[in-house]
Amino acid sequence: MPIRVGVHTGEVELVGGDARGVAVHTAARVMSLAGADEVLVSSTTHDLVEGSGLSLEEAGTHVLKGLSGPRLLFRLSVAH
């Protein structure tokens, strides 16, 4: 079963058992742009994982619904 993943790093508010806030919204919007078996990450996350050994390539600049301004996204490259 193909999956798609969107990753963003930010503060969340826990309400009951739910995570809420702009970071959750951003991660959902990033995920919505990912294709089947693709992992997209925000530029915030990209900056935070620098030096980790993960291979990330630019995936273009996108406007994320409900958020201001265009955002640069990155695709996780997986060597097969």
Protein backbone atom coordinates (compact mmCIF):
# COMPACT_ATOMS: atom_id res chain seq x y z
CA MET A 1 0.00 0.00 0.00
CA PRO A 2 1.59 3.32 -1.04
CA ILE A 3 1.80 6.04 1.59
CA ARG A 4 2.67 9.73 1.53
CA VAL A 5 4.30 11.65 4.34
CA GLY A 6 4.61 15.34 5.16
CA VAL A 7 6.97 16.52 7.89
CA HIS A 8 7.12 19.95 9.53
CA THR A 9 8.67 21.01 12.81
CA GLY A 10 6.95 23.47 15.12
CA GLU A 11 5.02 23.98 18.32
CA VAL A 12 1.74 22.16 18.84
CA GLU A 13 -1.04 22.55 21.35
CA LEU A 14 -2.36 19.36 22.92
CA VAL A 15 -6.10 19.48 23.55
CA GLY A 16 -7.39 16.26 25.02
CA GLY A 17 -5.82 13.61 22.81
CA ASP A 18 -5.50 15.90 19.78
CA ALA A 19 -2.53 17.91 18.52
CA ARG A 20 -3.52 21.31 17.11
CA GLY A 21 -1.96 24.49 15.83
CA VAL A 22 -0.22 25.99 12.80
CA ALA A 23 2.51 23.32 12.83
CA VAL A 24 -0.07 20.55 12.52
CA HIS A 25 -1.84 22.43 9.73
CA THR A 26 1.48 22.99 7.92
CA ALA A 27 2.45 19.30 8.14
CA ALA A 28 -0.95 18.32 6.71
CA ARG A 29 -0.53 20.75 3.80
CA VAL A 30 2.99 19.48 3.09
CA MET A 31 1.68 15.90 3.13
CA SER A 32 -1.12 16.79 0.72
CA LEU A 33 1.50 17.67 -1.92
CA ALA A 34 3.43 14.40 -1.55
CA GLY A 35 2.94 11.67 -4.12
CA ALA A 36 2.61 7.95 -3.49
CA ASP A 37 5.58 6.60 -1.48
CA GLU A 38 7.02 10.11 -1.14
CA VAL A 39 8.24 12.01 1.92
CA LEU A 40 8.18 15.82 1.71
CA VAL A 41 9.60 18.07 4.41
CA SER A 42 9.32 21.78 5.08
CA SER A 43 12.31 24.11 4.92
CA THR A 44 12.13 24.40 8.72
CA THR A 45 12.64 20.66 9.11
CA HIS A 46 15.25 20.68 6.34
CA ASP A 47 17.32 23.21 8.29
CA LEU A 48 16.99 21.26 11.53
CA VAL A 49 18.18 17.94 10.07
CA GLU A 50 21.27 19.41 8.41
CA GLY A 51 24.23 17.17 9.11
CA SER A 52 22.01 14.17 9.92
CA GLY A 53 23.00 12.22 6.84
CA LEU A 54 19.51 12.38 5.33
CA SER A 55 19.52 13.15 1.62
CA LEU A 56 17.01 15.89 0.78
CA GLU A 57 16.50 17.46 -2.64
CA GLU A 58 14.51 20.57 -3.48
CA ALA A 59 10.91 19.82 -4.44
CA GLY A 60 9.98 23.36 -5.44
CA THR A 61 8.23 26.31 -3.91
CA HIS A 62 4.55 25.90 -3.14
CA VAL A 63 1.70 27.96 -1.72
CA LEU A 64 0.13 25.99 1.13
CA LYS A 65 -3.60 26.59 1.55
CA GLY A 66 -4.36 28.66 4.63
CA LEU A 67 -0.74 29.79 5.12
CA SER A 68 0.88 33.02 4.00
CA GLY A 69 3.50 33.13 1.28
CA PRO A 70 5.21 30.45 -0.76
CA ARG A 71 7.15 27.68 1.03
CA LEU A 72 10.19 25.76 -0.21
CA LEU A 73 9.74 22.01 0.21
CA PHE A 74 12.24 19.17 0.06
CA ARG A 75 11.92 15.51 -0.96
CA LEU A 76 13.61 12.73 0.97
CA SER A 77 15.85 10.76 -1.41
CA VAL A 78 16.13 7.09 -0.63
CA ALA A 79 18.91 5.08 -2.25
CA HIS A 80 17.72 1.67 -3.46
